[in-house]
Amino acid sequence: MKIEAIETIKKRYERRREWLLIQVTKMDESTTTPLRGRLLAHSPHRYEVYEKLQHVNRVIRTYVTCASDELPKGYAAAF
């Protein structure tokens, strides 16, 4: 997969509310916000994305997120 803006990747899967596993290639270091990356996996099921994450090289930065701004029912976010 090619390197793209994180928002571009999220918009592609937004309507399907899929979970995304992204290799982060550029990050705003002052805010730790991922800016660009490469999509490694996507699925409507969060557990499938986390299964893929277990096989990713631990040296690379990864980002797991839901493509939609609304989390699926039963999920919460903490900051």
C-alpha atoms as a PDB file:
ATOM      1  CA  MET A   1       0.000   0.000   0.000  1.00  0.00           C
ATOM      2  CA  LYS A   2       1.103   3.558  -0.611  1.00  0.00           C
ATOM      3  CA  ILE A   3       1.774   6.232   1.994  1.00  0.00           C
ATOM      4  CA  GLU A   4      -1.136   8.645   2.392  1.00  0.00           C
ATOM      5  CA  ALA A   5      -2.508  11.227   4.803  1.00  0.00           C
ATOM      6  CA  ILE A   6      -4.211   9.527   7.765  1.00  0.00           C
ATOM      7  CA  GLU A   7      -7.422  11.483   7.080  1.00  0.00           C
ATOM      8  CA  THR A   8      -7.464  10.214   3.475  1.00  0.00           C
ATOM      9  CA  ILE A   9      -7.231   6.627   4.681  1.00  0.00           C
ATOM     10  CA  LYS A  10      -9.964   7.165   7.288  1.00  0.00           C
ATOM     11  CA  LYS A  11     -12.329   8.766   4.751  1.00  0.00           C
ATOM     12  CA  ARG A  12     -11.998   5.765   2.436  1.00  0.00           C
ATOM     13  CA  TYR A  13     -13.456   3.453   5.122  1.00  0.00           C
ATOM     14  CA  GLU A  14     -15.648   5.933   7.017  1.00  0.00           C
ATOM     15  CA  ARG A  15     -19.048   4.777   5.714  1.00  0.00           C
ATOM     16  CA  ARG A  16     -18.283   1.151   6.524  1.00  0.00           C
ATOM     17  CA  ARG A  17     -17.128   2.033  10.072  1.00  0.00           C
ATOM     18  CA  GLU A  18     -14.120  -0.210   9.697  1.00  0.00           C
ATOM     19  CA  TRP A  19     -11.224  -0.557  12.099  1.00  0.00           C
ATOM     20  CA  LEU A  20      -7.867   0.422  10.610  1.00  0.00           C
ATOM     21  CA  LEU A  21      -4.299  -0.634  11.348  1.00  0.00           C
ATOM     22  CA  ILE A  22      -1.917   1.988   9.983  1.00  0.00           C
ATOM     23  CA  GLN A  23       1.876   2.101   9.943  1.00  0.00           C
ATOM     24  CA  VAL A  24       2.715   5.686  10.898  1.00  0.00           C
ATOM     25  CA  THR A  25       5.370   7.211   8.625  1.00  0.00           C
ATOM     26  CA  LYS A  26       5.030  10.864   9.685  1.00  0.00           C
ATOM     27  CA  MET A  27       3.959  12.193  13.061  1.00  0.00           C
ATOM     28  CA  ASP A  28       3.610  15.642  14.576  1.00  0.00           C
ATOM     29  CA  GLU A  29       6.098  15.096  17.394  1.00  0.00           C
ATOM     30  CA  SER A  30       4.812  18.029  19.462  1.00  0.00           C
ATOM     31  CA  THR A  31       1.263  16.628  19.654  1.00  0.00           C
ATOM     32  CA  THR A  32       2.002  12.936  18.862  1.00  0.00           C
ATOM     33  CA  THR A  33      -0.660  13.108  16.148  1.00  0.00           C
ATOM     34  CA  PRO A  34      -0.176  10.645  13.267  1.00  0.00           C
ATOM     35  CA  LEU A  35      -0.167  12.584   9.970  1.00  0.00           C
ATOM     36  CA  ARG A  36       0.778  10.110   7.230  1.00  0.00           C
ATOM     37  CA  GLY A  37       0.958   6.365   6.989  1.00  0.00           C
ATOM     38  CA  ARG A  38       0.470   3.098   5.154  1.00  0.00           C
ATOM     39  CA  LEU A  39      -2.674   0.993   5.650  1.00  0.00           C
ATOM     40  CA  LEU A  40      -1.681  -2.470   6.887  1.00  0.00           C
ATOM     41  CA  ALA A  41      -5.126  -3.955   7.596  1.00  0.00           C
ATOM     42  CA  HIS A  42      -8.807  -3.061   7.856  1.00  0.00           C
ATOM     43  CA  SER A  43     -11.886  -4.895   9.062  1.00  0.00           C
ATOM     44  CA  PRO A  44     -15.356  -4.218  10.449  1.00  0.00           C
ATOM     45  CA  HIS A  45     -14.245  -6.359  13.410  1.00  0.00           C
ATOM     46  CA  ARG A  46     -11.767  -4.818  15.837  1.00  0.00           C
ATOM     47  CA  TYR A  47     -10.401  -8.194  16.952  1.00  0.00           C
ATOM     48  CA  GLU A  48      -9.302  -9.001  13.379  1.00  0.00           C
ATOM     49  CA  VAL A  49      -7.230  -5.811  13.246  1.00  0.00           C
ATOM     50  CA  TYR A  50      -5.631  -6.613  16.616  1.00  0.00           C
ATOM     51  CA  GLU A  51      -4.801 -10.124  15.376  1.00  0.00           C
ATOM     52  CA  LYS A  52      -2.919  -8.540  12.448  1.00  0.00           C
ATOM     53  CA  LEU A  53      -1.175  -6.170  14.861  1.00  0.00           C
ATOM     54  CA  GLN A  54       0.340  -9.139  16.700  1.00  0.00           C
ATOM     55  CA  HIS A  55       2.293 -10.011  13.543  1.00  0.00           C
ATOM     56  CA  VAL A  56       3.608  -6.492  12.842  1.00  0.00           C
ATOM     57  CA  ASN A  57       7.261  -5.684  13.534  1.00  0.00           C
ATOM     58  CA  ARG A  58       7.348  -3.971  16.953  1.00  0.00           C
ATOM     59  CA  VAL A  59       9.928  -1.447  15.737  1.00  0.00           C
ATOM     60  CA  ILE A  60       7.479   0.422  13.502  1.00  0.00           C
ATOM     61  CA  ARG A  61       4.945   2.905  14.853  1.00  0.00           C
ATOM     62  CA  THR A  62       1.367   1.755  14.439  1.00  0.00           C
ATOM     63  CA  TYR A  63      -2.012   3.406  14.879  1.00  0.00           C
ATOM     64  CA  VAL A  64      -5.315   1.575  15.369  1.00  0.00           C
ATOM     65  CA  THR A  65      -8.478   3.625  14.907  1.00  0.00           C
ATOM     66  CA  CYS A  66     -12.074   3.406  13.816  1.00  0.00           C
ATOM     67  CA  ALA A  67     -12.566   5.094  10.433  1.00  0.00           C
ATOM     68  CA  SER A  68     -15.818   6.734  11.554  1.00  0.00           C
ATOM     69  CA  ASP A  69     -15.953   9.639  13.997  1.00  0.00           C
ATOM     70  CA  GLU A  70     -18.711   7.712  15.795  1.00  0.00           C
ATOM     71  CA  LEU A  71     -17.465   4.658  17.645  1.00  0.00           C
ATOM     72  CA  PRO A  72     -19.491   1.474  17.232  1.00  0.00           C
ATOM     73  CA  LYS A  73     -22.076   0.743  19.920  1.00  0.00           C
ATOM     74  CA  GLY A  74     -20.461  -0.594  23.083  1.00  0.00           C
ATOM     75  CA  TYR A  75     -17.078   1.135  22.570  1.00  0.00           C
ATOM     76  CA  ALA A  76     -15.623   4.163  24.341  1.00  0.00           C
ATOM     77  CA  ALA A  77     -12.529   6.315  23.923  1.00  0.00           C
ATOM     78  CA  ALA A  78     -10.215   7.583  26.639  1.00  0.00           C
ATOM     79  CA  PHE A  79      -7.580  10.284  26.300  1.00  0.00           C
END
